[in-house]
């Protein structure tokens, strides 16, 4: 299972309130640059926890890039799959 930037954008639009026209494929774009705030980050964390059992690190939520968030999800998914193999 792989979590793509497109998957992340879909979650941000459908669950966190990102305007559809603000979607991006740029992995260097930060959460804050998308116009999202720390409350939106908490909503994203909650959604990822519920769907995938994954907790994002939150020491610098608005400075995390889209690529870093997707990478963190994929890393944890791979770890979880390895634990269940």
C-alpha atoms as a PDB file:
ATOM      1  CA  UNK A   1       0.000   0.000   0.000  1.00  0.00           C
ATOM      2  CA  UNK A   2       1.290   3.422  -0.924  1.00  0.00           C
ATOM      3  CA  UNK A   3       0.083   6.843   0.194  1.00  0.00           C
ATOM      4  CA  UNK A   4       0.551   9.421  -2.565  1.00  0.00           C
ATOM      5  CA  UNK A   5       0.574  13.192  -2.580  1.00  0.00           C
ATOM      6  CA  UNK A   6      -2.730  12.928  -4.458  1.00  0.00           C
ATOM      7  CA  UNK A   7      -4.131  10.846  -1.565  1.00  0.00           C
ATOM      8  CA  UNK A   8      -2.970  13.534   0.848  1.00  0.00           C
ATOM      9  CA  UNK A   9      -4.546  16.299  -1.246  1.00  0.00           C
ATOM     10  CA  UNK A  10      -7.816  14.364  -1.352  1.00  0.00           C
ATOM     11  CA  UNK A  11      -7.836  14.150   2.458  1.00  0.00           C
ATOM     12  CA  UNK A  12      -6.952  17.819   2.819  1.00  0.00           C
ATOM     13  CA  UNK A  13      -9.787  18.865   0.500  1.00  0.00           C
ATOM     14  CA  UNK A  14     -12.452  16.460   1.773  1.00  0.00           C
ATOM     15  CA  UNK A  15     -11.696  16.446   5.510  1.00  0.00           C
ATOM     16  CA  UNK A  16      -9.551  19.457   6.398  1.00  0.00           C
ATOM     17  CA  UNK A  17     -11.042  22.246   4.295  1.00  0.00           C
ATOM     18  CA  UNK A  18      -8.361  22.887   1.674  1.00  0.00           C
ATOM     19  CA  UNK A  19      -9.999  24.632  -1.291  1.00  0.00           C
ATOM     20  CA  UNK A  20      -9.890  22.283  -4.331  1.00  0.00           C
ATOM     21  CA  UNK A  21      -8.096  24.947  -6.389  1.00  0.00           C
ATOM     22  CA  UNK A  22      -5.263  24.945  -3.821  1.00  0.00           C
ATOM     23  CA  UNK A  23      -4.369  21.296  -4.536  1.00  0.00           C
ATOM     24  CA  UNK A  24      -0.729  20.797  -5.459  1.00  0.00           C
ATOM     25  CA  UNK A  25       1.604  18.043  -6.573  1.00  0.00           C
ATOM     26  CA  UNK A  26       4.633  20.016  -5.370  1.00  0.00           C
ATOM     27  CA  UNK A  27       6.309  17.924  -2.639  1.00  0.00           C
ATOM     28  CA  UNK A  28       8.199  21.019  -1.424  1.00  0.00           C
ATOM     29  CA  UNK A  29       5.032  22.984  -0.641  1.00  0.00           C
ATOM     30  CA  UNK A  30       4.579  23.343   3.117  1.00  0.00           C
ATOM     31  CA  UNK A  31       1.397  22.835   5.065  1.00  0.00           C
ATOM     32  CA  UNK A  32       1.429  26.519   6.012  1.00  0.00           C
ATOM     33  CA  UNK A  33       2.052  27.645   2.420  1.00  0.00           C
ATOM     34  CA  UNK A  34      -1.161  25.885   1.464  1.00  0.00           C
ATOM     35  CA  UNK A  35      -2.935  28.303   3.798  1.00  0.00           C
ATOM     36  CA  UNK A  36      -3.658  25.670   6.419  1.00  0.00           C
ATOM     37  CA  UNK A  37      -3.215  26.244  10.142  1.00  0.00           C
ATOM     38  CA  UNK A  38      -2.372  24.127  13.167  1.00  0.00           C
ATOM     39  CA  UNK A  39      -6.039  23.219  13.682  1.00  0.00           C
ATOM     40  CA  UNK A  40      -6.114  21.840  10.125  1.00  0.00           C
ATOM     41  CA  UNK A  41      -2.971  19.842  10.943  1.00  0.00           C
ATOM     42  CA  UNK A  42      -4.717  18.366  14.002  1.00  0.00           C
ATOM     43  CA  UNK A  43      -7.661  17.418  11.798  1.00  0.00           C
ATOM     44  CA  UNK A  44      -5.285  15.724   9.358  1.00  0.00           C
ATOM     45  CA  UNK A  45      -3.573  13.872  12.214  1.00  0.00           C
ATOM     46  CA  UNK A  46      -6.935  12.662  13.480  1.00  0.00           C
ATOM     47  CA  UNK A  47      -7.997  11.468  10.021  1.00  0.00           C
ATOM     48  CA  UNK A  48      -4.706   9.605   9.415  1.00  0.00           C
ATOM     49  CA  UNK A  49      -4.944   8.004  12.860  1.00  0.00           C
ATOM     50  CA  UNK A  50      -8.493   6.854  12.172  1.00  0.00           C
ATOM     51  CA  UNK A  51      -7.865   5.565   8.631  1.00  0.00           C
ATOM     52  CA  UNK A  52      -4.350   4.159   8.902  1.00  0.00           C
ATOM     53  CA  UNK A  53      -3.472   4.042  12.616  1.00  0.00           C
ATOM     54  CA  UNK A  54      -0.684   6.543  11.952  1.00  0.00           C
ATOM     55  CA  UNK A  55       0.392   9.478  14.081  1.00  0.00           C
ATOM     56  CA  UNK A  56       2.284  12.289  12.367  1.00  0.00           C
ATOM     57  CA  UNK A  57       5.089  14.036  14.228  1.00  0.00           C
ATOM     58  CA  UNK A  58       3.836  17.495  15.162  1.00  0.00           C
ATOM     59  CA  UNK A  59       6.874  19.423  16.364  1.00  0.00           C
ATOM     60  CA  UNK A  60       6.654  21.810  13.391  1.00  0.00           C
ATOM     61  CA  UNK A  61       3.282  21.227  11.739  1.00  0.00           C
ATOM     62  CA  UNK A  62       3.112  24.254   9.440  1.00  0.00           C
ATOM     63  CA  UNK A  63       6.691  23.846   8.207  1.00  0.00           C
ATOM     64  CA  UNK A  64       6.277  20.212   7.132  1.00  0.00           C
ATOM     65  CA  UNK A  65       6.226  19.775   3.380  1.00  0.00           C
ATOM     66  CA  UNK A  66       3.616  17.781   1.541  1.00  0.00           C
ATOM     67  CA  UNK A  67       6.374  15.348   0.533  1.00  0.00           C
ATOM     68  CA  UNK A  68       7.478  14.914   4.162  1.00  0.00           C
ATOM     69  CA  UNK A  69       3.924  14.199   5.303  1.00  0.00           C
ATOM     70  CA  UNK A  70       3.315  11.655   2.526  1.00  0.00           C
ATOM     71  CA  UNK A  71       6.725  10.109   3.235  1.00  0.00           C
ATOM     72  CA  UNK A  72       5.990   9.808   6.955  1.00  0.00           C
ATOM     73  CA  UNK A  73       2.693   8.063   6.204  1.00  0.00           C
ATOM     74  CA  UNK A  74       4.370   5.663   3.761  1.00  0.00           C
ATOM     75  CA  UNK A  75       7.181   4.929   6.217  1.00  0.00           C
ATOM     76  CA  UNK A  76       4.707   4.027   8.942  1.00  0.00           C
ATOM     77  CA  UNK A  77       2.531   1.993   6.554  1.00  0.00           C
ATOM     78  CA  UNK A  78       5.606   0.006   5.482  1.00  0.00           C
ATOM     79  CA  UNK A  79       6.595  -0.531   9.108  1.00  0.00           C
ATOM     80  CA  UNK A  80       3.072  -1.661   9.975  1.00  0.00           C
ATOM     81  CA  UNK A  81       2.955  -4.045   6.982  1.00  0.00           C
ATOM     82  CA  UNK A  82       6.339  -5.463   7.995  1.00  0.00           C
ATOM     83  CA  UNK A  83       5.057  -6.080  11.511  1.00  0.00           C
ATOM     84  CA  UNK A  84       2.057  -7.978  10.157  1.00  0.00           C
ATOM     85  CA  UNK A  85       3.927 -10.015   7.556  1.00  0.00           C
END
